[in-house]
């Protein structure tokens, strides 16, 4: 194990600490506003775009702008303030192709063309990934008390934070190597050749970035942390009753061990309610492994529908 500071930061190791935010283009911002508001997020207007917040949290997790089709524009990762100079030199030594910020986007930090050409931003930012395992509860009732909740009084589900982000990639193993080398992420687990999960070295959930095999890049899902199985199921039921789907859940994953419900958005990708995911502290060297596909996707729950792994984003020109 490596030495860590009292803040939980892994000492003398260069690596991103969080996904600061993601950016999408969507063909209909009002449709996006409706979807993410019902999902339980705080959707705000800014400069002709939408920004995604979680209720009561000042961090901006996502930016949605108008486009011809749903498309992942870029991913932004946060680093500590004293790492910027070292990170710039490190990325130069990796031979990355530095680029300008996408049109209309602030040029904060370093921009480079990531694996499959996905624009990547590295910026100084507060740590948005937790430094300890998220609080998780079972909602129940005391003996002699009713736990019944009428549908008319069902509470609204509000995610607490972004848990992780899953992207499509043309080569999972090559992308693992790339993001370990450039961003300092570390492999948690994988199931060749289809999927892999990477965590941050300064303490993060089992994965803050997931990689899913496809013939082109794109977003598979964004995942949001909630505090109980009830919230996972209730959030999913709320979205399904509103007509969104087909969806996948309720279930429990093997890798990461989180409870899940995936809601299909209007553009064929997903937003996930997630609870009780494994946490990897900054002083733990996680024993990563390659798991057989039939023994790694989910422990219980319904089978996913055939289009669950479909990449609906257009190929880049």
C-alpha atoms as a PDB file:
ATOM      1  CA  UNK A   1       0.000   0.000   0.000  1.00  0.00           C
ATOM      2  CA  UNK A   2       1.036   3.569  -0.659  1.00  0.00           C
ATOM      3  CA  UNK A   3       1.190   6.346   1.873  1.00  0.00           C
ATOM      4  CA  UNK A   4      -1.802   8.668   1.915  1.00  0.00           C
ATOM      5  CA  UNK A   5      -2.344  12.078   3.436  1.00  0.00           C
ATOM      6  CA  UNK A   6      -4.906  12.886   6.094  1.00  0.00           C
ATOM      7  CA  UNK A   7      -7.191  14.167   3.306  1.00  0.00           C
ATOM      8  CA  UNK A   8      -7.304  10.722   1.714  1.00  0.00           C
ATOM      9  CA  UNK A   9      -5.138  11.730  -1.233  1.00  0.00           C
ATOM     10  CA  UNK A  10      -2.644   9.128  -2.409  1.00  0.00           C
ATOM     11  CA  UNK A  11       0.784  10.687  -1.981  1.00  0.00           C
ATOM     12  CA  UNK A  12       3.293  11.074  -4.809  1.00  0.00           C
ATOM     13  CA  UNK A  13       0.960   9.648  -7.462  1.00  0.00           C
ATOM     14  CA  UNK A  14      -0.198  11.720 -10.436  1.00  0.00           C
ATOM     15  CA  UNK A  15      -3.802  11.029 -11.370  1.00  0.00           C
ATOM     16  CA  UNK A  16      -7.207  12.612 -11.888  1.00  0.00           C
ATOM     17  CA  UNK A  17      -9.411  12.561  -8.795  1.00  0.00           C
ATOM     18  CA  UNK A  18     -12.882  12.895 -10.383  1.00  0.00           C
ATOM     19  CA  UNK A  19     -14.981  13.196 -13.469  1.00  0.00           C
ATOM     20  CA  UNK A  20     -15.689  16.908 -13.222  1.00  0.00           C
ATOM     21  CA  UNK A  21     -18.474  16.877 -15.820  1.00  0.00           C
ATOM     22  CA  UNK A  22     -19.614  15.434 -19.113  1.00  0.00           C
ATOM     23  CA  UNK A  23     -20.999  17.221 -22.169  1.00  0.00           C
ATOM     24  CA  UNK A  24     -23.594  15.988 -24.641  1.00  0.00           C
ATOM     25  CA  UNK A  25     -25.275  17.313 -27.726  1.00  0.00           C
ATOM     26  CA  UNK A  26     -28.954  16.389 -28.010  1.00  0.00           C
ATOM     27  CA  UNK A  27     -31.454  17.131 -30.762  1.00  0.00           C
ATOM     28  CA  UNK A  28     -34.104  18.553 -28.412  1.00  0.00           C
ATOM     29  CA  UNK A  29     -33.194  20.478 -25.269  1.00  0.00           C
ATOM     30  CA  UNK A  30     -36.781  20.605 -24.027  1.00  0.00           C
ATOM     31  CA  UNK A  31     -36.999  16.828 -24.285  1.00  0.00           C
ATOM     32  CA  UNK A  32     -33.744  16.634 -22.320  1.00  0.00           C
ATOM     33  CA  UNK A  33     -35.059  19.035 -19.687  1.00  0.00           C
ATOM     34  CA  UNK A  34     -38.190  16.897 -19.237  1.00  0.00           C
ATOM     35  CA  UNK A  35     -36.232  13.640 -18.986  1.00  0.00           C
ATOM     36  CA  UNK A  36     -33.535  14.748 -16.530  1.00  0.00           C
ATOM     37  CA  UNK A  37     -35.975  16.755 -14.371  1.00  0.00           C
ATOM     38  CA  UNK A  38     -38.247  13.742 -13.958  1.00  0.00           C
ATOM     39  CA  UNK A  39     -35.149  11.626 -13.284  1.00  0.00           C
ATOM     40  CA  UNK A  40     -34.622  13.831 -10.237  1.00  0.00           C
ATOM     41  CA  UNK A  41     -31.890  16.255 -11.273  1.00  0.00           C
ATOM     42  CA  UNK A  42     -31.774  20.037 -10.962  1.00  0.00           C
ATOM     43  CA  UNK A  43     -31.765  21.221 -14.587  1.00  0.00           C
ATOM     44  CA  UNK A  44     -30.687  24.814 -15.147  1.00  0.00           C
ATOM     45  CA  UNK A  45     -30.509  27.080 -18.195  1.00  0.00           C
ATOM     46  CA  UNK A  46     -27.237  28.781 -19.065  1.00  0.00           C
ATOM     47  CA  UNK A  47     -26.178  30.478 -22.300  1.00  0.00           C
ATOM     48  CA  UNK A  48     -28.616  28.542 -24.447  1.00  0.00           C
ATOM     49  CA  UNK A  49     -27.614  25.175 -22.944  1.00  0.00           C
ATOM     50  CA  UNK A  50     -28.769  23.052 -20.015  1.00  0.00           C
ATOM     51  CA  UNK A  51     -26.638  22.262 -16.980  1.00  0.00           C
ATOM     52  CA  UNK A  52     -27.221  19.266 -14.737  1.00  0.00           C
ATOM     53  CA  UNK A  53     -26.934  19.548 -10.953  1.00  0.00           C
ATOM     54  CA  UNK A  54     -28.081  17.302  -8.153  1.00  0.00           C
ATOM     55  CA  UNK A  55     -30.509  18.872  -5.676  1.00  0.00           C
ATOM     56  CA  UNK A  56     -28.660  20.730  -2.930  1.00  0.00           C
ATOM     57  CA  UNK A  57     -25.209  20.168  -4.421  1.00  0.00           C
ATOM     58  CA  UNK A  58     -23.343  23.114  -6.002  1.00  0.00           C
ATOM     59  CA  UNK A  59     -21.345  20.941  -8.413  1.00  0.00           C
ATOM     60  CA  UNK A  60     -22.198  21.000 -12.121  1.00  0.00           C
ATOM     61  CA  UNK A  61     -22.201  17.424 -13.411  1.00  0.00           C
ATOM     62  CA  UNK A  62     -23.252  17.799 -17.037  1.00  0.00           C
ATOM     63  CA  UNK A  63     -23.728  20.247 -19.899  1.00  0.00           C
ATOM     64  CA  UNK A  64     -26.247  19.619 -22.686  1.00  0.00           C
ATOM     65  CA  UNK A  65     -26.244  21.671 -25.872  1.00  0.00           C
ATOM     66  CA  UNK A  66     -28.341  21.624 -29.039  1.00  0.00           C
ATOM     67  CA  UNK A  67     -27.152  19.375 -31.870  1.00  0.00           C
ATOM     68  CA  UNK A  68     -28.396  17.365 -34.802  1.00  0.00           C
ATOM     69  CA  UNK A  69     -28.233  14.054 -32.916  1.00  0.00           C
ATOM     70  CA  UNK A  70     -27.288  12.799 -29.474  1.00  0.00           C
ATOM     71  CA  UNK A  71     -23.493  12.849 -29.260  1.00  0.00           C
ATOM     72  CA  UNK A  72     -20.905  12.766 -26.500  1.00  0.00           C
ATOM     73  CA  UNK A  73     -18.969  16.016 -26.939  1.00  0.00           C
ATOM     74  CA  UNK A  74     -16.253  15.575 -24.296  1.00  0.00           C
ATOM     75  CA  UNK A  75     -15.339  14.428 -20.793  1.00  0.00           C
ATOM     76  CA  UNK A  76     -13.745  16.732 -18.219  1.00  0.00           C
ATOM     77  CA  UNK A  77     -11.632  15.358 -15.342  1.00  0.00           C
ATOM     78  CA  UNK A  78     -10.596  17.150 -12.162  1.00  0.00           C
ATOM     79  CA  UNK A  79      -7.082  17.307 -10.725  1.00  0.00           C
ATOM     80  CA  UNK A  80      -5.507  18.951  -7.668  1.00  0.00           C
ATOM     81  CA  UNK A  81      -4.219  22.513  -8.073  1.00  0.00           C
ATOM     82  CA  UNK A  82      -0.598  21.566  -7.404  1.00  0.00           C
ATOM     83  CA  UNK A  83      -0.651  18.991 -10.225  1.00  0.00           C
ATOM     84  CA  UNK A  84      -1.339  21.177 -13.260  1.00  0.00           C
ATOM     85  CA  UNK A  85       2.278  21.814 -14.252  1.00  0.00           C
ATOM     86  CA  UNK A  86       3.230  18.190 -13.703  1.00  0.00           C
ATOM     87  CA  UNK A  87       0.165  16.977 -15.603  1.00  0.00           C
ATOM     88  CA  UNK A  88       0.963  19.166 -18.594  1.00  0.00           C
ATOM     89  CA  UNK A  89       4.502  17.802 -18.735  1.00  0.00           C
ATOM     90  CA  UNK A  90       3.224  14.259 -18.209  1.00  0.00           C
ATOM     91  CA  UNK A  91       0.758  14.500 -21.096  1.00  0.00           C
ATOM     92  CA  UNK A  92       3.521  15.912 -23.314  1.00  0.00           C
ATOM     93  CA  UNK A  93       5.682  12.899 -22.422  1.00  0.00           C
ATOM     94  CA  UNK A  94       2.767  10.613 -23.359  1.00  0.00           C
ATOM     95  CA  UNK A  95       2.682  12.168 -26.819  1.00  0.00           C
ATOM     96  CA  UNK A  96      -0.974  13.200 -26.711  1.00  0.00           C
ATOM     97  CA  UNK A  97      -2.341  15.565 -29.335  1.00  0.00           C
ATOM     98  CA  UNK A  98      -3.326  18.734 -27.512  1.00  0.00           C
ATOM     99  CA  UNK A  99      -6.345  20.486 -29.029  1.00  0.00           C
ATOM    100  CA  UNK A 100      -8.382  23.639 -28.615  1.00  0.00           C
ATOM    101  CA  UNK A 101     -11.511  23.527 -26.498  1.00  0.00           C
ATOM    102  CA  UNK A 102     -14.634  22.665 -28.521  1.00  0.00           C
ATOM    103  CA  UNK A 103     -16.485  25.613 -29.992  1.00  0.00           C
ATOM    104  CA  UNK A 104     -18.321  27.628 -27.353  1.00  0.00           C
ATOM    105  CA  UNK A 105     -16.657  25.802 -24.440  1.00  0.00           C
ATOM    106  CA  UNK A 106     -14.420  27.485 -21.861  1.00  0.00           C
ATOM    107  CA  UNK A 107     -10.742  26.728 -22.437  1.00  0.00           C
ATOM    108  CA  UNK A 108     -10.111  25.900 -18.777  1.00  0.00           C
ATOM    109  CA  UNK A 109      -7.162  23.532 -18.248  1.00  0.00           C
ATOM    110  CA  UNK A 110      -5.660  21.158 -20.809  1.00  0.00           C
ATOM    111  CA  UNK A 111      -7.505  19.740 -23.808  1.00  0.00           C
ATOM    112  CA  UNK A 112      -6.321  16.744 -25.817  1.00  0.00           C
ATOM    113  CA  UNK A 113      -7.663  14.105 -28.177  1.00  0.00           C
ATOM    114  CA  UNK A 114      -8.281  10.990 -26.121  1.00  0.00           C
ATOM    115  CA  UNK A 115      -8.744   7.407 -27.208  1.00  0.00           C
ATOM    116  CA  UNK A 116     -10.904   7.140 -30.364  1.00  0.00           C
ATOM    117  CA  UNK A 117     -10.437  10.908 -30.688  1.00  0.00           C
ATOM    118  CA  UNK A 118     -12.799  11.752 -27.822  1.00  0.00           C
ATOM    119  CA  UNK A 119     -11.962  15.275 -26.569  1.00  0.00           C
ATOM    120  CA  UNK A 120     -10.654  15.118 -22.991  1.00  0.00           C
ATOM    121  CA  UNK A 121     -10.263  18.044 -20.622  1.00  0.00           C
ATOM    122  CA  UNK A 122      -8.094  18.036 -17.493  1.00  0.00           C
ATOM    123  CA  UNK A 123      -8.739  20.958 -15.151  1.00  0.00           C
ATOM    124  CA  UNK A 124      -8.114  22.082 -11.584  1.00  0.00           C
ATOM    125  CA  UNK A 125     -11.320  21.372  -9.694  1.00  0.00           C
ATOM    126  CA  UNK A 126     -12.663  20.386  -6.307  1.00  0.00           C
ATOM    127  CA  UNK A 127     -12.805  16.637  -5.747  1.00  0.00           C
ATOM    128  CA  UNK A 128     -16.310  15.555  -6.738  1.00  0.00           C
ATOM    129  CA  UNK A 129     -15.719  11.847  -6.278  1.00  0.00           C
ATOM    130  CA  UNK A 130     -16.318  10.779  -2.645  1.00  0.00           C
ATOM    131  CA  UNK A 131     -13.448   9.959  -0.308  1.00  0.00           C
ATOM    132  CA  UNK A 132     -15.426   7.291   1.529  1.00  0.00           C
ATOM    133  CA  UNK A 133     -18.161   4.806   0.725  1.00  0.00           C
ATOM    134  CA  UNK A 134     -21.526   6.499   0.213  1.00  0.00           C
ATOM    135  CA  UNK A 135     -24.107   6.167   2.972  1.00  0.00           C
ATOM    136  CA  UNK A 136     -26.653   3.441   2.202  1.00  0.00           C
ATOM    137  CA  UNK A 137     -29.866   2.541   4.044  1.00  0.00           C
ATOM    138  CA  UNK A 138     -32.696   0.071   3.834  1.00  0.00           C
ATOM    139  CA  UNK A 139     -36.052   1.816   4.090  1.00  0.00           C
ATOM    140  CA  UNK A 140     -38.242  -0.147   6.491  1.00  0.00           C
ATOM    141  CA  UNK A 141     -40.503   0.355   9.497  1.00  0.00           C
ATOM    142  CA  UNK A 142     -40.322  -0.413  13.193  1.00  0.00           C
ATOM    143  CA  UNK A 143     -42.269  -3.353  14.649  1.00  0.00           C
ATOM    144  CA  UNK A 144     -45.940  -2.497  15.008  1.00  0.00           C
ATOM    145  CA  UNK A 145     -45.709   0.372  12.505  1.00  0.00           C
ATOM    146  CA  UNK A 146     -46.889   0.357   8.910  1.00  0.00           C
ATOM    147  CA  UNK A 147     -44.316   0.779   6.177  1.00  0.00           C
ATOM    148  CA  UNK A 148     -47.002   1.326   3.557  1.00  0.00           C
ATOM    149  CA  UNK A 149     -46.473   4.298   1.243  1.00  0.00           C
ATOM    150  CA  UNK A 150     -49.514   5.132  -0.910  1.00  0.00           C
ATOM    151  CA  UNK A 151     -48.687   5.825  -4.542  1.00  0.00           C
ATOM    152  CA  UNK A 152     -50.225   9.260  -4.132  1.00  0.00           C
ATOM    153  CA  UNK A 153     -47.662  10.071  -1.430  1.00  0.00           C
ATOM    154  CA  UNK A 154     -44.604   8.432  -2.958  1.00  0.00           C
ATOM    155  CA  UNK A 155     -41.484  10.539  -2.324  1.00  0.00           C
ATOM    156  CA  UNK A 156     -39.543  11.992  -5.225  1.00  0.00           C
ATOM    157  CA  UNK A 157     -36.144  10.453  -5.876  1.00  0.00           C
ATOM    158  CA  UNK A 158     -33.248  12.914  -6.058  1.00  0.00           C
ATOM    159  CA  UNK A 159     -29.784  11.500  -6.857  1.00  0.00           C
ATOM    160  CA  UNK A 160     -26.969  12.794  -4.665  1.00  0.00           C
ATOM    161  CA  UNK A 161     -24.117  12.906  -7.171  1.00  0.00           C
ATOM    162  CA  UNK A 162     -22.730  11.471 -10.401  1.00  0.00           C
ATOM    163  CA  UNK A 163     -21.402   8.008  -9.603  1.00  0.00           C
ATOM    164  CA  UNK A 164     -19.703   7.096 -12.878  1.00  0.00           C
ATOM    165  CA  UNK A 165     -19.802   7.463 -16.639  1.00  0.00           C
ATOM    166  CA  UNK A 166     -19.664   4.707 -19.277  1.00  0.00           C
ATOM    167  CA  UNK A 167     -18.299   5.290 -22.766  1.00  0.00           C
ATOM    168  CA  UNK A 168     -18.188   3.164 -25.875  1.00  0.00           C
ATOM    169  CA  UNK A 169     -14.726   2.421 -27.250  1.00  0.00           C
ATOM    170  CA  UNK A 170     -13.373   0.499 -30.221  1.00  0.00           C
ATOM    171  CA  UNK A 171     -10.805  -1.476 -28.168  1.00  0.00           C
ATOM    172  CA  UNK A 172     -11.374  -1.996 -24.456  1.00  0.00           C
ATOM    173  CA  UNK A 173      -7.890  -3.253 -23.568  1.00  0.00           C
ATOM    174  CA  UNK A 174      -6.142  -0.527 -25.557  1.00  0.00           C
ATOM    175  CA  UNK A 175      -8.380   2.097 -23.931  1.00  0.00           C
ATOM    176  CA  UNK A 176      -7.513   0.716 -20.469  1.00  0.00           C
ATOM    177  CA  UNK A 177      -3.831   1.165 -21.233  1.00  0.00           C
ATOM    178  CA  UNK A 178      -4.419   4.644 -22.636  1.00  0.00           C
ATOM    179  CA  UNK A 179      -6.377   6.031 -19.704  1.00  0.00           C
ATOM    180  CA  UNK A 180      -4.096   4.397 -17.149  1.00  0.00           C
ATOM    181  CA  UNK A 181      -1.119   6.022 -18.870  1.00  0.00           C
ATOM    182  CA  UNK A 182      -2.557   9.479 -19.505  1.00  0.00           C
ATOM    183  CA  UNK A 183      -4.973  10.070 -16.602  1.00  0.00           C
ATOM    184  CA  UNK A 184      -3.541   7.780 -13.940  1.00  0.00           C
ATOM    185  CA  UNK A 185      -6.758   5.759 -13.689  1.00  0.00           C
ATOM    186  CA  UNK A 186      -6.425   2.156 -12.519  1.00  0.00           C
ATOM    187  CA  UNK A 187      -8.169  -1.014 -13.583  1.00  0.00           C
ATOM    188  CA  UNK A 188     -10.707  -2.328 -11.089  1.00  0.00           C
ATOM    189  CA  UNK A 189     -12.100  -5.261 -13.069  1.00  0.00           C
ATOM    190  CA  UNK A 190     -12.826  -6.282 -16.649  1.00  0.00           C
ATOM    191  CA  UNK A 191     -14.582  -8.938 -18.687  1.00  0.00           C
ATOM    192  CA  UNK A 192     -12.808  -9.372 -22.010  1.00  0.00           C
ATOM    193  CA  UNK A 193     -13.426  -8.238 -24.617  1.00  0.00           C
ATOM    194  CA  UNK A 194     -16.589  -6.334 -23.830  1.00  0.00           C
ATOM    195  CA  UNK A 195     -16.228  -4.178 -20.716  1.00  0.00           C
ATOM    196  CA  UNK A 196     -13.802  -2.721 -18.167  1.00  0.00           C
ATOM    197  CA  UNK A 197     -14.044  -0.550 -15.057  1.00  0.00           C
ATOM    198  CA  UNK A 198     -11.487   2.065 -13.968  1.00  0.00           C
ATOM    199  CA  UNK A 199     -11.164   3.891 -10.638  1.00  0.00           C
ATOM    200  CA  UNK A 200      -9.325   6.993  -9.440  1.00  0.00           C
ATOM    201  CA  UNK A 201      -6.132   6.692  -7.389  1.00  0.00           C
ATOM    202  CA  UNK A 202      -7.192   9.280  -4.794  1.00  0.00           C
ATOM    203  CA  UNK A 203     -10.200   7.289  -3.604  1.00  0.00           C
ATOM    204  CA  UNK A 204     -13.279   6.641  -5.724  1.00  0.00           C
ATOM    205  CA  UNK A 205     -16.150   4.288  -6.326  1.00  0.00           C
ATOM    206  CA  UNK A 206     -15.277   0.917  -7.895  1.00  0.00           C
ATOM    207  CA  UNK A 207     -15.467   2.714 -11.215  1.00  0.00           C
ATOM    208  CA  UNK A 208     -15.654   6.319 -12.190  1.00  0.00           C
ATOM    209  CA  UNK A 209     -15.092   5.430 -15.869  1.00  0.00           C
ATOM    210  CA  UNK A 210     -16.470   2.319 -17.588  1.00  0.00           C
ATOM    211  CA  UNK A 211     -15.476   1.160 -21.072  1.00  0.00           C
ATOM    212  CA  UNK A 212     -17.903  -0.701 -23.343  1.00  0.00           C
ATOM    213  CA  UNK A 213     -16.947  -2.281 -26.689  1.00  0.00           C
ATOM    214  CA  UNK A 214     -18.425  -0.803 -29.862  1.00  0.00           C
ATOM    215  CA  UNK A 215     -17.398   0.057 -33.416  1.00  0.00           C
ATOM    216  CA  UNK A 216     -17.202   3.763 -32.504  1.00  0.00           C
ATOM    217  CA  UNK A 217     -17.066   6.098 -29.529  1.00  0.00           C
ATOM    218  CA  UNK A 218     -20.094   7.429 -27.656  1.00  0.00           C
ATOM    219  CA  UNK A 219     -21.904   7.474 -24.319  1.00  0.00           C
ATOM    220  CA  UNK A 220     -23.479   4.291 -22.997  1.00  0.00           C
ATOM    221  CA  UNK A 221     -24.768   5.691 -19.705  1.00  0.00           C
ATOM    222  CA  UNK A 222     -24.390   8.221 -16.947  1.00  0.00           C
ATOM    223  CA  UNK A 223     -24.892   6.796 -13.439  1.00  0.00           C
ATOM    224  CA  UNK A 224     -26.256   8.605 -10.380  1.00  0.00           C
ATOM    225  CA  UNK A 225     -25.848   7.658  -6.730  1.00  0.00           C
ATOM    226  CA  UNK A 226     -28.912   7.273  -4.485  1.00  0.00           C
ATOM    227  CA  UNK A 227     -29.111   6.100  -0.894  1.00  0.00           C
ATOM    228  CA  UNK A 228     -31.303   2.978  -0.888  1.00  0.00           C
ATOM    229  CA  UNK A 229     -32.691   0.098  -2.906  1.00  0.00           C
ATOM    230  CA  UNK A 230     -36.114   1.696  -2.532  1.00  0.00           C
ATOM    231  CA  UNK A 231     -34.873   4.831  -4.304  1.00  0.00           C
ATOM    232  CA  UNK A 232     -33.376   2.763  -7.125  1.00  0.00           C
ATOM    233  CA  UNK A 233     -36.651   0.940  -7.671  1.00  0.00           C
ATOM    234  CA  UNK A 234     -38.936   3.914  -7.139  1.00  0.00           C
ATOM    235  CA  UNK A 235     -36.899   6.109  -9.457  1.00  0.00           C
ATOM    236  CA  UNK A 236     -37.026   3.465 -12.155  1.00  0.00           C
ATOM    237  CA  UNK A 237     -40.771   2.919 -11.696  1.00  0.00           C
ATOM    238  CA  UNK A 238     -41.422   6.668 -11.922  1.00  0.00           C
ATOM    239  CA  UNK A 239     -39.592   6.885 -15.238  1.00  0.00           C
ATOM    240  CA  UNK A 240     -41.229   3.745 -16.636  1.00  0.00           C
ATOM    241  CA  UNK A 241     -44.712   4.993 -15.708  1.00  0.00           C
ATOM    242  CA  UNK A 242     -43.928   8.199 -17.600  1.00  0.00           C
ATOM    243  CA  UNK A 243     -43.314   6.139 -20.734  1.00  0.00           C
ATOM    244  CA  UNK A 244     -39.520   5.893 -20.826  1.00  0.00           C
ATOM    245  CA  UNK A 245     -38.089   2.542 -21.860  1.00  0.00           C
ATOM    246  CA  UNK A 246     -37.327  -0.188 -22.504  1.00  0.00           C
ATOM    247  CA  UNK A 247     -35.385  -0.155 -19.237  1.00  0.00           C
ATOM    248  CA  UNK A 248     -33.246  -2.652 -17.309  1.00  0.00           C
ATOM    249  CA  UNK A 249     -33.662  -3.323 -13.588  1.00  0.00           C
ATOM    250  CA  UNK A 250     -34.124  -3.658 -10.716  1.00  0.00           C
ATOM    251  CA  UNK A 251     -31.027  -5.793 -10.143  1.00  0.00           C
ATOM    252  CA  UNK A 252     -27.608  -6.069  -8.558  1.00  0.00           C
ATOM    253  CA  UNK A 253     -24.345  -6.032 -10.493  1.00  0.00           C
ATOM    254  CA  UNK A 254     -21.485  -8.431  -9.834  1.00  0.00           C
ATOM    255  CA  UNK A 255     -18.573  -6.075 -10.587  1.00  0.00           C
ATOM    256  CA  UNK A 256     -19.033  -3.066  -8.324  1.00  0.00           C
ATOM    257  CA  UNK A 257     -21.871  -4.886  -6.512  1.00  0.00           C
ATOM    258  CA  UNK A 258     -24.230  -1.902  -6.852  1.00  0.00           C
ATOM    259  CA  UNK A 259     -27.992  -2.098  -7.109  1.00  0.00           C
ATOM    260  CA  UNK A 260     -29.113  -0.706 -10.476  1.00  0.00           C
ATOM    261  CA  UNK A 261     -31.960   0.461 -12.649  1.00  0.00           C
ATOM    262  CA  UNK A 262     -31.144   1.774 -16.145  1.00  0.00           C
ATOM    263  CA  UNK A 263     -33.615   4.173 -17.767  1.00  0.00           C
ATOM    264  CA  UNK A 264     -33.459   4.531 -21.524  1.00  0.00           C
ATOM    265  CA  UNK A 265     -33.372   8.186 -22.536  1.00  0.00           C
ATOM    266  CA  UNK A 266     -35.082   9.623 -25.658  1.00  0.00           C
ATOM    267  CA  UNK A 267     -31.908   9.023 -27.718  1.00  0.00           C
ATOM    268  CA  UNK A 268     -31.247   5.360 -26.948  1.00  0.00           C
ATOM    269  CA  UNK A 269     -28.608   5.718 -24.216  1.00  0.00           C
ATOM    270  CA  UNK A 270     -29.177   5.379 -20.465  1.00  0.00           C
ATOM    271  CA  UNK A 271     -29.226   7.083 -17.114  1.00  0.00           C
ATOM    272  CA  UNK A 272     -28.739   4.731 -14.160  1.00  0.00           C
ATOM    273  CA  UNK A 273     -29.938   4.892 -10.576  1.00  0.00           C
ATOM    274  CA  UNK A 274     -27.156   3.248  -8.549  1.00  0.00           C
ATOM    275  CA  UNK A 275     -26.804   2.451  -4.852  1.00  0.00           C
ATOM    276  CA  UNK A 276     -24.207   0.849  -2.571  1.00  0.00           C
ATOM    277  CA  UNK A 277     -21.389   0.521  -5.108  1.00  0.00           C
ATOM    278  CA  UNK A 278     -18.019  -0.791  -3.893  1.00  0.00           C
ATOM    279  CA  UNK A 279     -15.579   1.912  -2.805  1.00  0.00           C
ATOM    280  CA  UNK A 280     -11.788   1.829  -3.295  1.00  0.00           C
ATOM    281  CA  UNK A 281      -9.904   4.012  -0.762  1.00  0.00           C
ATOM    282  CA  UNK A 282      -6.742   5.808  -1.825  1.00  0.00           C
ATOM    283  CA  UNK A 283      -4.524   3.451   0.214  1.00  0.00           C
ATOM    284  CA  UNK A 284      -5.937   0.231  -1.276  1.00  0.00           C
ATOM    285  CA  UNK A 285      -4.408  -1.531  -4.274  1.00  0.00           C
ATOM    286  CA  UNK A 286      -7.473  -3.226  -5.694  1.00  0.00           C
ATOM    287  CA  UNK A 287      -6.903  -6.822  -6.916  1.00  0.00           C
ATOM    288  CA  UNK A 288      -8.189  -6.384 -10.476  1.00  0.00           C
ATOM    289  CA  UNK A 289      -9.132  -9.462 -12.485  1.00  0.00           C
ATOM    290  CA  UNK A 290     -10.568 -10.586 -15.797  1.00  0.00           C
ATOM    291  CA  UNK A 291     -13.977 -12.193 -15.235  1.00  0.00           C
ATOM    292  CA  UNK A 292     -15.923 -14.559 -17.489  1.00  0.00           C
ATOM    293  CA  UNK A 293     -18.869 -12.762 -19.135  1.00  0.00           C
ATOM    294  CA  UNK A 294     -21.414 -15.229 -17.753  1.00  0.00           C
ATOM    295  CA  UNK A 295     -20.117 -14.626 -14.225  1.00  0.00           C
ATOM    296  CA  UNK A 296     -19.716 -10.852 -14.151  1.00  0.00           C
ATOM    297  CA  UNK A 297     -22.672  -8.798 -15.403  1.00  0.00           C
ATOM    298  CA  UNK A 298     -25.429  -9.135 -12.777  1.00  0.00           C
ATOM    299  CA  UNK A 299     -26.072 -11.305  -9.744  1.00  0.00           C
ATOM    300  CA  UNK A 300     -29.857 -11.049  -9.881  1.00  0.00           C
ATOM    301  CA  UNK A 301     -32.533  -9.174 -11.786  1.00  0.00           C
ATOM    302  CA  UNK A 302     -34.179  -9.445 -15.189  1.00  0.00           C
ATOM    303  CA  UNK A 303     -32.183 -10.191 -18.312  1.00  0.00           C
ATOM    304  CA  UNK A 304     -31.186  -7.070 -20.267  1.00  0.00           C
ATOM    305  CA  UNK A 305     -33.025  -6.551 -23.539  1.00  0.00           C
ATOM    306  CA  UNK A 306     -31.016  -7.067 -26.782  1.00  0.00           C
ATOM    307  CA  UNK A 307     -30.535  -3.359 -27.538  1.00  0.00           C
ATOM    308  CA  UNK A 308     -28.993  -2.589 -24.139  1.00  0.00           C
ATOM    309  CA  UNK A 309     -25.446  -2.477 -25.551  1.00  0.00           C
ATOM    310  CA  UNK A 310     -26.416  -0.747 -28.795  1.00  0.00           C
ATOM    311  CA  UNK A 311     -24.485   2.415 -29.645  1.00  0.00           C
ATOM    312  CA  UNK A 312     -27.020   4.839 -31.099  1.00  0.00           C
ATOM    313  CA  UNK A 313     -24.626   7.730 -31.685  1.00  0.00           C
ATOM    314  CA  UNK A 314     -23.677   8.614 -35.255  1.00  0.00           C
ATOM    315  CA  UNK A 315     -20.145   7.870 -36.418  1.00  0.00           C
ATOM    316  CA  UNK A 316     -17.850  10.869 -36.427  1.00  0.00           C
ATOM    317  CA  UNK A 317     -17.271  12.381 -39.863  1.00  0.00           C
END
